[in-house]
């Protein structure tokens, strides 16, 4: 069976990834909820989150997170021309990825202690040895992530999204399982169990399961050290390896500079970031991942008009949906944070500090959606250089801003610097795209976002009032009170936004409402 057969449609792919993203983000919130309940903000949790700085940078350096972007265009063309040679090229990429991943991971483990001082410069000196231990435990997971990213790229090429959709669920499930159970066994203490869960989750979810799926679909591998296409692949991936953009390093900056903002800042920034990522993932990341193979396919066929139209629809839908979602969450940020993280070691004091952080990060969610979609347009044209160069320049420019403005102003200053860096990154990419490709992909985009935002104003204002009313007059546990306030606010928002959106933003809501009506009709 050809590697290009057995594909799933873009709509089915989007549904699969949407469900997976919803569940994985929910599990991620559950994971962080358990961590915050057990350890709160500061100390052990700060070290746990800081332990991921070096592993994540290794992943970026080897372009693991972008493997499907760099590999799919080359593999797609090679498999269509000569499938046997396509497998040889793929084996060469996989071989070198495994070799490089193991070598860099070994170096990271060897120099874990000096690296701990770099990734958390504001940490209590007595804690560096334990941070180094955490780093040594989680670093081997990168081997599974990086090799697994090559296998997942192969599944994406076949437009098989089900198994890749399961990987984050298994990953988060293992972290929760080992994090909760190992301390009770007496084998570890503190957050060591969560670090062990990272390795098992990466090994099972990101490597083993995709490998089994690929083998059942004709996967072929034999160690290959040289292939003519490797030079082109390296040139395509090199900008992503060397170009450390503000988007790629955003979480790492929150951790590194957060350690300078006092105990607990790293954890609180991480918790706020985790909540803000939910609407980003649901609205933007799903559309970006699902649309990318189709954008590549349209360019392969020479259909640039279809390419621009597909990218434009994705941008318009993404921005039109994220704006009202972010507005509602900003108005209800206190209740949202309390509902998810209140309890155990996380009390009212932490809630009052964390809610403004969440509001700042939600303000930047439209920039993240725009970036996730527009950057796929560059990558589909095999242009990995432009986003990398622009992002690296902005990284260099914003490093002193983080240090001299962000850290002295505490966690809020760091969150504001993060939002500003994404705004300027997106603005620069948009200007470059406009000069190269014209404005077809942006046609009607900002009008749709503004109309959708205006339609959300009554629902947000009324929701904020109802939530305040509930929290003032309902004497229950803070979590239950927040749940009641959010339920009332959410219902009011839907009742007001949906009819207004259907009237003034039919280009955004009508496709979604049509699918819902169709499913309800079939259900009858």
Protein backbone atom coordinates (compact mmCIF):
# COMPACT_ATOMS: atom_id res chain seq x y z
CA UNK A 1 0.00 0.00 0.00
CA UNK A 2 1.37 3.41 -0.94
CA UNK A 3 2.51 5.69 1.83
CA UNK A 4 0.22 8.38 0.48
CA UNK A 5 -2.95 6.28 0.72
CA UNK A 6 -5.48 5.92 3.55
CA UNK A 7 -5.76 9.64 4.23
CA UNK A 8 -8.25 11.44 6.43
CA UNK A 9 -10.07 14.57 5.33
CA UNK A 10 -9.20 17.98 6.76
CA UNK A 11 -12.53 18.11 8.58
CA UNK A 12 -12.07 14.70 10.20
CA UNK A 13 -8.49 15.59 11.09
CA UNK A 14 -9.63 18.82 12.74
CA UNK A 15 -12.27 16.96 14.77
CA UNK A 16 -9.78 14.31 15.93
CA UNK A 17 -7.21 16.89 16.91
CA UNK A 18 -9.81 19.12 18.56
CA UNK A 19 -11.02 16.28 20.78
CA UNK A 20 -7.45 15.24 21.55
CA UNK A 21 -6.40 18.80 22.33
CA UNK A 22 -9.40 19.35 24.58
CA UNK A 23 -8.68 16.16 26.52
CA UNK A 24 -4.92 16.72 26.68
CA UNK A 25 -5.33 20.30 27.88
CA UNK A 26 -7.84 19.08 30.45
CA UNK A 27 -5.38 16.43 31.62
CA UNK A 28 -2.63 19.05 31.69
CA UNK A 29 -4.78 21.21 33.94
CA UNK A 30 -5.56 18.18 36.13
CA UNK A 31 -1.83 17.44 36.34
CA UNK A 32 -1.00 21.01 37.37
CA UNK A 33 -3.98 21.06 39.73
CA UNK A 34 -2.59 18.05 41.55
CA UNK A 35 0.86 19.65 41.65
CA UNK A 36 -0.53 22.94 42.96
CA UNK A 37 -2.65 21.10 45.56
CA UNK A 38 0.36 19.14 46.84
CA UNK A 39 3.11 21.74 46.51
CA UNK A 40 1.47 25.13 45.90
CA UNK A 41 3.66 27.84 44.35
CA UNK A 42 7.36 27.86 45.22
CA UNK A 43 10.11 25.52 46.33
CA UNK A 44 9.57 22.05 44.90
CA UNK A 45 7.16 23.13 42.14
CA UNK A 46 9.46 25.96 41.01
CA UNK A 47 12.30 23.44 40.62
CA UNK A 48 10.10 20.98 38.74
CA UNK A 49 9.05 23.56 36.15
CA UNK A 50 12.61 24.92 35.86
CA UNK A 51 13.89 21.39 35.18
CA UNK A 52 12.28 21.51 31.73
CA UNK A 53 14.23 24.51 30.43
CA UNK A 54 17.26 22.53 29.18
CA UNK A 55 15.25 19.55 27.80
CA UNK A 56 12.93 21.90 25.93
CA UNK A 57 15.84 23.85 24.46
CA UNK A 58 17.40 20.56 23.30
CA UNK A 59 14.11 19.79 21.58
CA UNK A 60 14.19 23.19 19.86
CA UNK A 61 17.88 22.82 18.90
CA UNK A 62 17.14 19.55 17.09
CA UNK A 63 13.88 20.94 15.64
CA UNK A 64 11.89 18.13 17.26
CA UNK A 65 8.79 20.26 17.60
CA UNK A 66 9.01 21.19 13.91
CA UNK A 67 9.86 17.75 12.52
CA UNK A 68 6.56 17.35 10.71
CA UNK A 69 6.99 20.80 9.17
CA UNK A 70 10.51 20.19 7.86
CA UNK A 71 10.10 16.53 6.89
CA UNK A 72 6.62 16.37 5.35
CA UNK A 73 7.30 18.50 2.22
CA UNK A 74 10.47 16.54 1.35
CA UNK A 75 9.00 13.12 2.13
CA UNK A 76 5.79 13.90 0.27
CA UNK A 77 7.68 14.68 -2.91
CA UNK A 78 10.16 11.80 -2.57
CA UNK A 79 7.52 9.15 -1.87
CA UNK A 80 5.52 10.29 -4.90
CA UNK A 81 8.63 9.94 -7.10
CA UNK A 82 10.33 6.83 -5.68
CA UNK A 83 8.85 5.20 -2.58
CA UNK A 84 11.81 2.88 -1.97
CA UNK A 85 14.24 5.79 -1.99
CA UNK A 86 11.79 7.74 0.17
CA UNK A 87 12.21 5.11 2.86
CA UNK A 88 16.01 5.35 2.58
CA UNK A 89 15.83 9.10 3.06
CA UNK A 90 13.47 8.68 6.00
CA UNK A 91 15.79 6.08 7.60
CA UNK A 92 18.70 8.48 7.27
CA UNK A 93 16.80 11.25 9.05
CA UNK A 94 15.67 8.87 11.79
CA UNK A 95 19.21 7.49 12.30
CA UNK A 96 20.82 10.88 12.69
CA UNK A 97 18.03 12.16 14.91
CA UNK A 98 18.55 9.23 17.30
CA UNK A 99 22.33 9.72 17.35
CA UNK A 100 22.15 13.48 17.94
CA UNK A 101 19.38 13.16 20.55
CA UNK A 102 21.35 10.65 22.62
CA UNK A 103 24.59 12.66 22.37
CA UNK A 104 23.07 16.01 23.38
CA UNK A 105 21.00 14.41 26.15
CA UNK A 106 24.12 12.74 27.58
CA UNK A 107 25.91 16.11 27.63
CA UNK A 108 22.96 17.72 29.38
CA UNK A 109 22.96 15.04 32.08
CA UNK A 110 26.73 15.36 32.52
CA UNK A 111 26.61 19.13 33.03
CA UNK A 112 23.27 19.26 34.86
CA UNK A 113 24.60 21.05 37.96
CA UNK A 114 26.22 24.06 36.22
CA UNK A 115 23.22 24.26 33.87
CA UNK A 116 20.90 24.42 36.90
CA UNK A 117 22.51 27.72 37.92
CA UNK A 118 21.88 29.11 34.43
CA UNK A 119 18.21 28.11 34.07
CA UNK A 120 17.21 29.32 37.56
CA UNK A 121 19.57 32.16 38.53
CA UNK A 122 17.28 33.37 41.30
CA UNK A 123 16.86 29.98 43.01
CA UNK A 124 17.90 29.42 46.62
CA UNK A 125 21.50 28.05 46.39
CA UNK A 126 20.60 25.09 48.61
CA UNK A 127 18.15 23.83 45.96
CA UNK A 128 20.47 23.55 42.96
CA UNK A 129 21.47 19.95 43.67
CA UNK A 130 17.84 18.85 43.66
CA UNK A 131 17.10 20.84 40.48
CA UNK A 132 20.06 19.05 38.84
CA UNK A 133 18.55 15.70 39.92
CA UNK A 134 15.22 16.61 38.35
CA UNK A 135 16.99 17.62 35.14
CA UNK A 136 18.90 14.33 34.94
CA UNK A 137 15.68 12.36 35.33
CA UNK A 138 13.65 14.21 32.68
CA UNK A 139 16.43 14.68 30.09
CA UNK A 140 16.24 11.11 28.63
CA UNK A 141 12.63 11.81 27.66
CA UNK A 142 14.00 14.01 24.88
CA UNK A 143 15.38 10.97 23.06
CA UNK A 144 11.86 9.55 22.87
CA UNK A 145 10.39 12.94 21.91
CA UNK A 146 12.87 13.58 19.11
CA UNK A 147 12.88 10.10 17.58
CA UNK A 148 9.11 9.91 18.06
CA UNK A 149 8.67 13.23 16.26
CA UNK A 150 10.10 11.61 13.11
CA UNK A 151 7.61 8.75 13.38
CA UNK A 152 4.69 11.10 14.04
CA UNK A 153 5.71 13.16 10.99
CA UNK A 154 5.31 9.98 8.93
CA UNK A 155 1.80 9.47 10.31
CA UNK A 156 0.91 13.08 9.55
CA UNK A 157 2.14 12.57 6.00
CA UNK A 158 -0.38 9.77 5.64
CA UNK A 159 -2.94 12.11 7.18
CA UNK A 160 -3.43 9.68 10.03
CA UNK A 161 -4.10 11.83 13.07
CA UNK A 162 -5.64 9.38 15.55
CA UNK A 163 -2.45 7.94 17.06
CA UNK A 164 -0.63 11.30 17.23
CA UNK A 165 -3.75 12.65 18.94
CA UNK A 166 -3.34 10.04 21.70
CA UNK A 167 0.29 10.86 22.49
CA UNK A 168 -0.32 13.90 24.76
CA UNK A 169 -3.05 12.00 26.62
CA UNK A 170 -0.70 9.12 27.42
CA UNK A 171 2.10 11.53 28.29
CA UNK A 172 0.04 13.50 30.80
CA UNK A 173 -1.57 10.32 32.14
CA UNK A 174 1.83 8.81 32.94
CA UNK A 175 3.01 11.99 34.69
CA UNK A 176 -0.07 12.01 36.90
CA UNK A 177 0.09 8.26 37.60
CA UNK A 178 3.77 8.12 38.57
CA UNK A 179 3.66 11.48 40.32
CA UNK A 180 0.86 10.37 42.61
CA UNK A 181 1.71 6.68 43.13
CA UNK A 182 5.51 6.61 43.47
CA UNK A 183 5.71 8.79 46.60
CA UNK A 184 3.17 6.53 48.33
CA UNK A 185 5.39 3.53 47.58
CA UNK A 186 8.22 5.15 49.51
CA UNK A 187 10.59 4.90 46.51
CA UNK A 188 10.78 8.66 45.96
CA UNK A 189 9.72 11.84 47.70
CA UNK A 190 8.51 15.25 46.59
CA UNK A 191 8.09 15.74 42.85
CA UNK A 192 10.59 13.08 41.77
CA UNK A 193 7.71 10.80 40.77
CA UNK A 194 6.42 13.41 38.32
CA UNK A 195 9.88 13.52 36.68
CA UNK A 196 9.86 9.72 36.30
CA UNK A 197 6.37 9.96 34.77
CA UNK A 198 7.73 12.36 32.12
CA UNK A 199 10.17 9.70 30.87
CA UNK A 200 7.59 6.90 30.83
CA UNK A 201 4.99 9.16 29.20
CA UNK A 202 7.40 10.18 26.46
CA UNK A 203 8.59 6.61 25.90
CA UNK A 204 5.13 5.06 25.66
CA UNK A 205 3.07 7.87 24.16
CA UNK A 206 5.47 9.67 21.86
CA UNK A 207 7.67 6.77 20.73
CA UNK A 208 6.29 3.26 21.28
CA UNK A 209 2.64 3.76 20.28
CA UNK A 210 3.39 5.73 17.07
CA UNK A 211 6.06 3.15 16.17
CA UNK A 212 3.60 0.27 16.53
CA UNK A 213 1.08 2.13 14.37
CA UNK A 214 3.69 2.92 11.72
CA UNK A 215 4.89 -0.70 11.62
CA UNK A 216 1.36 -1.93 11.05
CA UNK A 217 1.14 0.41 8.05
CA UNK A 218 4.28 -0.73 6.24
CA UNK A 219 6.97 1.14 8.19
CA UNK A 220 10.45 0.38 6.87
CA UNK A 221 13.71 1.25 8.58
CA UNK A 222 17.35 0.30 8.17
CA UNK A 223 20.31 2.31 9.50
CA UNK A 224 21.37 4.79 6.81
CA UNK A 225 24.06 7.43 7.33
CA UNK A 226 24.00 9.19 3.97
CA UNK A 227 21.36 10.31 1.50
CA UNK A 228 21.47 13.09 -1.13
CA UNK A 229 18.37 14.77 0.34
CA UNK A 230 19.92 15.13 3.79
CA UNK A 231 21.70 18.32 2.77
CA UNK A 232 18.42 19.90 1.71
CA UNK A 233 16.71 18.64 4.88
CA UNK A 234 19.43 20.11 7.10
CA UNK A 235 19.28 23.45 5.28
CA UNK A 236 15.51 23.44 5.79
CA UNK A 237 15.76 22.50 9.47
CA UNK A 238 18.85 24.59 10.30
CA UNK A 239 16.99 27.90 10.72
CA UNK A 240 14.64 26.19 13.17
CA UNK A 241 17.59 24.70 15.05
CA UNK A 242 19.61 27.91 15.26
CA UNK A 243 16.76 30.37 15.31
CA UNK A 244 15.49 30.45 18.87
CA UNK A 245 12.35 32.57 18.49
CA UNK A 246 10.43 34.42 21.16
CA UNK A 247 7.55 32.00 20.56
CA UNK A 248 9.70 28.91 21.06
CA UNK A 249 11.43 30.29 24.16
CA UNK A 250 8.44 32.01 25.77
CA UNK A 251 7.86 29.35 28.41
CA UNK A 252 11.58 29.11 29.11
CA UNK A 253 11.81 32.87 29.64
CA UNK A 254 8.90 32.69 32.08
CA UNK A 255 10.85 30.10 34.06
CA UNK A 256 14.33 31.60 33.87
CA UNK A 257 13.36 35.21 34.59
CA UNK A 258 10.54 34.08 36.89
CA UNK A 259 13.18 32.70 39.25
CA UNK A 260 14.43 36.30 39.63
CA UNK A 261 10.96 37.51 40.61
CA UNK A 262 10.83 35.70 43.95
CA UNK A 263 9.72 32.33 45.27
CA UNK A 264 6.54 31.05 43.65
CA UNK A 265 6.71 33.29 40.57
CA UNK A 266 7.81 30.44 38.30
CA UNK A 267 4.92 28.26 39.43
CA UNK A 268 2.27 30.99 39.24
CA UNK A 269 3.42 32.04 35.77
CA UNK A 270 3.31 28.41 34.69
CA UNK A 271 -0.20 27.89 36.07
CA UNK A 272 -1.48 31.04 34.35
CA UNK A 273 0.25 30.06 31.11
CA UNK A 274 -1.36 26.62 31.26
CA UNK A 275 -4.87 28.09 31.43
CA UNK A 276 -4.20 30.62 28.66
CA UNK A 277 -2.97 27.83 26.38
CA UNK A 278 -6.32 26.06 26.43
CA UNK A 279 -8.15 28.48 24.08
CA UNK A 280 -4.97 28.83 22.00
CA UNK A 281 -4.77 25.08 21.49
CA UNK A 282 -8.47 24.59 20.85
CA UNK A 283 -8.87 27.43 18.38
CA UNK A 284 -5.48 27.82 16.72
CA UNK A 285 -3.24 24.83 17.19
CA UNK A 286 -5.85 22.36 15.98
CA UNK A 287 -6.48 24.33 12.80
CA UNK A 288 -2.74 24.85 12.25
CA UNK A 289 -1.78 21.18 12.56
CA UNK A 290 -4.78 19.91 10.60
CA UNK A 291 -4.45 22.44 7.77
CA UNK A 292 -0.69 22.15 7.23
CA UNK A 293 -0.66 18.93 5.12
CA UNK A 294 -3.42 20.41 2.97
CA UNK A 295 -1.54 23.69 2.48
CA UNK A 296 1.50 21.68 1.37
CA UNK A 297 -0.69 19.63 -0.98
CA UNK A 298 -2.17 22.75 -2.58
CA UNK A 299 1.28 24.21 -3.21
CA UNK A 300 2.51 20.90 -4.59
CA UNK A 301 -0.33 21.08 -7.13
CA UNK A 302 0.54 24.69 -7.94
CA UNK A 303 -2.80 25.99 -6.62
CA UNK A 304 -1.65 29.23 -4.98
CA UNK A 305 -5.15 30.70 -5.04
CA UNK A 306 -6.49 27.75 -3.07
CA UNK A 307 -3.51 28.03 -0.73
CA UNK A 308 -4.23 31.69 0.02
CA UNK A 309 -7.96 31.04 0.44
CA UNK A 310 -7.40 28.09 2.81
CA UNK A 311 -4.94 30.07 4.93
CA UNK A 312 -7.29 33.09 4.93
CA UNK A 313 -10.26 31.01 6.12
CA UNK A 314 -8.17 29.51 8.92
CA UNK A 315 -6.93 32.94 10.03
CA UNK A 316 -10.41 34.49 9.95
CA UNK A 317 -12.03 31.64 11.88
CA UNK A 318 -9.19 31.51 14.41
CA UNK A 319 -9.17 35.22 15.17
CA UNK A 320 -12.95 35.49 15.10
CA UNK A 321 -13.32 32.79 17.73
CA UNK A 322 -10.36 33.57 20.00
CA UNK A 323 -11.26 37.23 20.56
CA UNK A 324 -14.64 36.64 22.30
CA UNK A 325 -13.23 33.63 24.14
CA UNK A 326 -10.31 35.65 25.50
CA UNK A 327 -12.58 38.59 26.43
CA UNK A 328 -14.88 36.33 28.44
CA UNK A 329 -12.00 34.63 30.26
CA UNK A 330 -10.37 37.98 31.07
CA UNK A 331 -13.59 39.21 32.68
CA UNK A 332 -13.89 35.98 34.69
CA UNK A 333 -10.18 35.36 35.34
CA UNK A 334 -10.51 35.29 39.13
CA UNK A 335 -13.19 32.62 39.08
CA UNK A 336 -11.45 30.66 36.31
CA UNK A 337 -8.21 30.46 38.27
CA UNK A 338 -9.97 29.68 41.53
CA UNK A 339 -12.04 26.91 39.96
CA UNK A 340 -8.98 25.17 38.54
CA UNK A 341 -6.25 25.73 41.12
CA UNK A 342 -7.77 26.64 44.50
CA UNK A 343 -7.28 24.09 47.27
CA UNK A 344 -4.54 22.30 49.20
CA UNK A 345 -1.44 24.49 49.28
CA UNK A 346 -3.02 27.03 46.91
CA UNK A 347 -5.07 29.50 48.90
CA UNK A 348 -6.74 32.91 48.43
CA UNK A 349 -3.44 34.83 48.51
CA UNK A 350 -2.08 32.96 45.51
CA UNK A 351 -5.39 33.45 43.65
CA UNK A 352 -5.21 37.24 43.97
CA UNK A 353 -1.66 37.27 42.57
CA UNK A 354 -2.33 34.77 39.77
CA UNK A 355 -5.55 36.25 38.32
CA UNK A 356 -3.84 39.39 36.88
CA UNK A 357 -1.13 37.17 35.36
CA UNK A 358 -3.84 35.18 33.61
CA UNK A 359 -5.47 38.36 32.30
CA UNK A 360 -2.18 39.59 30.81
CA UNK A 361 -1.52 36.24 29.12
CA UNK A 362 -5.06 36.08 27.75
CA UNK A 363 -4.53 39.48 26.11
CA UNK A 364 -1.81 37.87 24.01
CA UNK A 365 -3.87 34.85 22.87
CA UNK A 366 -4.90 36.45 19.52
CA UNK A 367 -1.21 36.95 18.72
CA UNK A 368 -0.50 33.29 19.44
CA UNK A 369 -3.38 32.15 17.21
CA UNK A 370 -2.22 34.42 14.39
CA UNK A 371 1.35 33.14 14.77
CA UNK A 372 0.36 29.44 14.83
CA UNK A 373 -1.57 29.79 11.58
CA UNK A 374 0.55 32.30 9.63
CA UNK A 375 3.84 30.56 10.35
CA UNK A 376 2.41 27.41 8.72
CA UNK A 377 2.01 29.48 5.58
CA UNK A 378 5.75 30.19 5.59
CA UNK A 379 6.62 26.57 6.38
CA UNK A 380 4.33 25.18 3.68
CA UNK A 381 6.46 27.13 1.19
CA UNK A 382 9.56 25.52 2.78
CA UNK A 383 10.54 28.94 4.15
CA UNK A 384 11.75 28.17 7.64
CA UNK A 385 14.39 30.91 7.49
CA UNK A 386 12.18 33.99 7.70
CA UNK A 387 10.28 33.12 10.92
CA UNK A 388 13.53 31.91 12.52
CA UNK A 389 15.56 35.02 11.67
CA UNK A 390 12.80 37.45 12.68
CA UNK A 391 12.11 35.52 15.88
CA UNK A 392 15.80 35.33 16.80
CA UNK A 393 16.27 39.07 16.30
CA UNK A 394 13.31 39.77 18.56
CA UNK A 395 14.66 37.30 21.13
CA UNK A 396 17.92 39.24 21.30
CA UNK A 397 16.04 42.54 21.54
CA UNK A 398 13.74 41.34 24.31
CA UNK A 399 16.34 39.66 26.54
CA UNK A 400 17.32 42.98 28.15
CA UNK A 401 13.64 43.92 28.38
CA UNK A 402 12.98 40.77 30.41
CA UNK A 403 15.95 41.46 32.65
CA UNK A 404 15.65 45.21 33.18
CA UNK A 405 11.86 45.61 33.00
CA UNK A 406 10.22 42.23 33.49
CA UNK A 407 12.10 40.81 36.49
CA UNK A 408 12.20 44.09 38.53
CA UNK A 409 8.41 44.36 38.14
CA UNK A 410 7.87 40.80 39.33
CA UNK A 411 5.66 38.21 37.71
CA UNK A 412 3.30 40.81 36.11
CA UNK A 413 6.25 42.50 34.41
CA UNK A 414 7.45 39.19 33.00
CA UNK A 415 3.95 38.37 31.72
CA UNK A 416 3.66 41.80 30.05
CA UNK A 417 7.06 41.39 28.40
CA UNK A 418 5.97 38.00 27.07
CA UNK A 419 2.80 39.49 25.56
CA UNK A 420 4.71 42.41 24.01
CA UNK A 421 7.29 40.12 22.41
CA UNK A 422 4.58 38.04 20.71
CA UNK A 423 2.82 41.17 19.44
CA UNK A 424 5.95 42.48 17.73
CA UNK A 425 6.83 39.02 16.37
CA UNK A 426 3.42 38.61 14.74
CA UNK A 427 3.47 42.19 13.44
CA UNK A 428 6.84 41.63 11.77
CA UNK A 429 5.74 38.34 10.16
CA UNK A 430 2.54 39.91 8.91
CA UNK A 431 4.39 42.84 7.29
CA UNK A 432 6.81 40.47 5.56
CA UNK A 433 3.97 38.25 4.31
CA UNK A 434 2.05 41.24 2.99
CA UNK A 435 5.03 42.48 0.99
CA UNK A 436 5.72 39.02 -0.44
CA UNK A 437 2.27 37.53 -0.99
CA UNK A 438 -0.12 40.46 -0.88
CA UNK A 439 -3.10 40.85 1.41
CA UNK A 440 -5.41 38.10 0.12
CA UNK A 441 -4.95 35.93 3.22
CA UNK A 442 -5.77 38.92 5.48
CA UNK A 443 -8.85 40.09 3.59
CA UNK A 444 -11.72 40.67 6.02
CA UNK A 445 -9.65 39.26 8.90
CA UNK A 446 -9.59 42.24 11.24
CA UNK A 447 -13.14 43.22 10.41
CA UNK A 448 -14.29 39.74 11.45
CA UNK A 449 -12.28 39.90 14.69
CA UNK A 450 -13.69 43.33 15.61
CA UNK A 451 -17.27 42.33 14.77
CA UNK A 452 -16.93 39.16 16.82
CA UNK A 453 -15.44 41.10 19.72
CA UNK A 454 -18.26 43.67 19.70
CA UNK A 455 -20.83 40.87 19.67
CA UNK A 456 -19.17 39.48 22.80
CA UNK A 457 -19.32 42.73 24.81
CA UNK A 458 -22.88 42.27 26.21
CA UNK A 459 -22.19 38.66 27.17
CA UNK A 460 -18.89 39.54 28.85
CA UNK A 461 -20.31 42.50 30.77
CA UNK A 462 -23.39 40.59 31.89
CA UNK A 463 -21.29 37.53 32.73
CA UNK A 464 -18.93 39.59 34.87
CA UNK A 465 -21.87 41.09 36.75
CA UNK A 466 -23.51 37.69 37.34
CA UNK A 467 -20.23 36.17 38.53
CA UNK A 468 -19.67 39.07 40.94
CA UNK A 469 -23.23 38.70 42.21
CA UNK A 470 -22.80 34.98 42.84
CA UNK A 471 -19.46 35.40 44.60
CA UNK A 472 -20.91 38.16 46.81
CA UNK A 473 -24.08 36.39 47.92
CA UNK A 474 -23.27 32.67 47.72
CA UNK A 475 -21.50 31.37 50.83
CA UNK A 476 -19.96 28.13 49.60
CA UNK A 477 -16.52 26.65 49.15
CA UNK A 478 -14.55 29.01 46.82
CA UNK A 479 -14.37 26.32 44.14
CA UNK A 480 -18.13 25.72 44.18
CA UNK A 481 -18.83 29.43 44.25
CA UNK A 482 -16.58 29.97 41.24
CA UNK A 483 -18.25 27.08 39.43
CA UNK A 484 -21.69 28.57 40.02
CA UNK A 485 -20.54 32.03 38.91
CA UNK A 486 -18.89 30.71 35.76
CA UNK A 487 -21.92 28.58 34.91
CA UNK A 488 -24.22 31.60 35.14
CA UNK A 489 -21.79 33.80 33.24
CA UNK A 490 -21.20 31.18 30.56
CA UNK A 491 -24.89 30.58 29.97
CA UNK A 492 -25.56 34.31 29.70
CA UNK A 493 -22.64 34.70 27.28
CA UNK A 494 -23.93 31.96 24.97
CA UNK A 495 -27.48 33.29 25.03
CA UNK A 496 -26.31 36.76 24.01
CA UNK A 497 -23.29 36.05 21.80
CA UNK A 498 -24.66 33.30 19.57
CA UNK A 499 -27.62 35.25 18.11
CA UNK A 500 -25.50 38.40 17.75
CA UNK A 501 -22.69 36.44 16.18
CA UNK A 502 -25.05 34.66 13.80
CA UNK A 503 -26.44 38.04 12.74
CA UNK A 504 -23.23 40.09 12.45
CA UNK A 505 -20.51 37.41 12.04
CA UNK A 506 -22.14 34.70 9.90
CA UNK A 507 -18.83 34.04 8.11
CA UNK A 508 -17.36 32.87 11.45
CA UNK A 509 -20.23 31.10 13.18
CA UNK A 510 -22.33 29.78 10.31
CA UNK A 511 -19.94 26.95 9.27
CA UNK A 512 -19.81 25.72 12.87
CA UNK A 513 -23.58 26.08 13.41
CA UNK A 514 -24.24 24.28 10.13
CA UNK A 515 -22.24 21.27 11.28
CA UNK A 516 -24.07 21.24 14.63
CA UNK A 517 -27.49 21.41 12.93
CA UNK A 518 -26.46 18.61 10.56
CA UNK A 519 -25.46 16.34 13.41
CA UNK A 520 -28.66 17.08 15.32
CA UNK A 521 -30.69 16.33 12.18
CA UNK A 522 -28.87 13.03 11.66
CA UNK A 523 -29.43 12.19 15.31
CA UNK A 524 -33.18 12.34 14.77
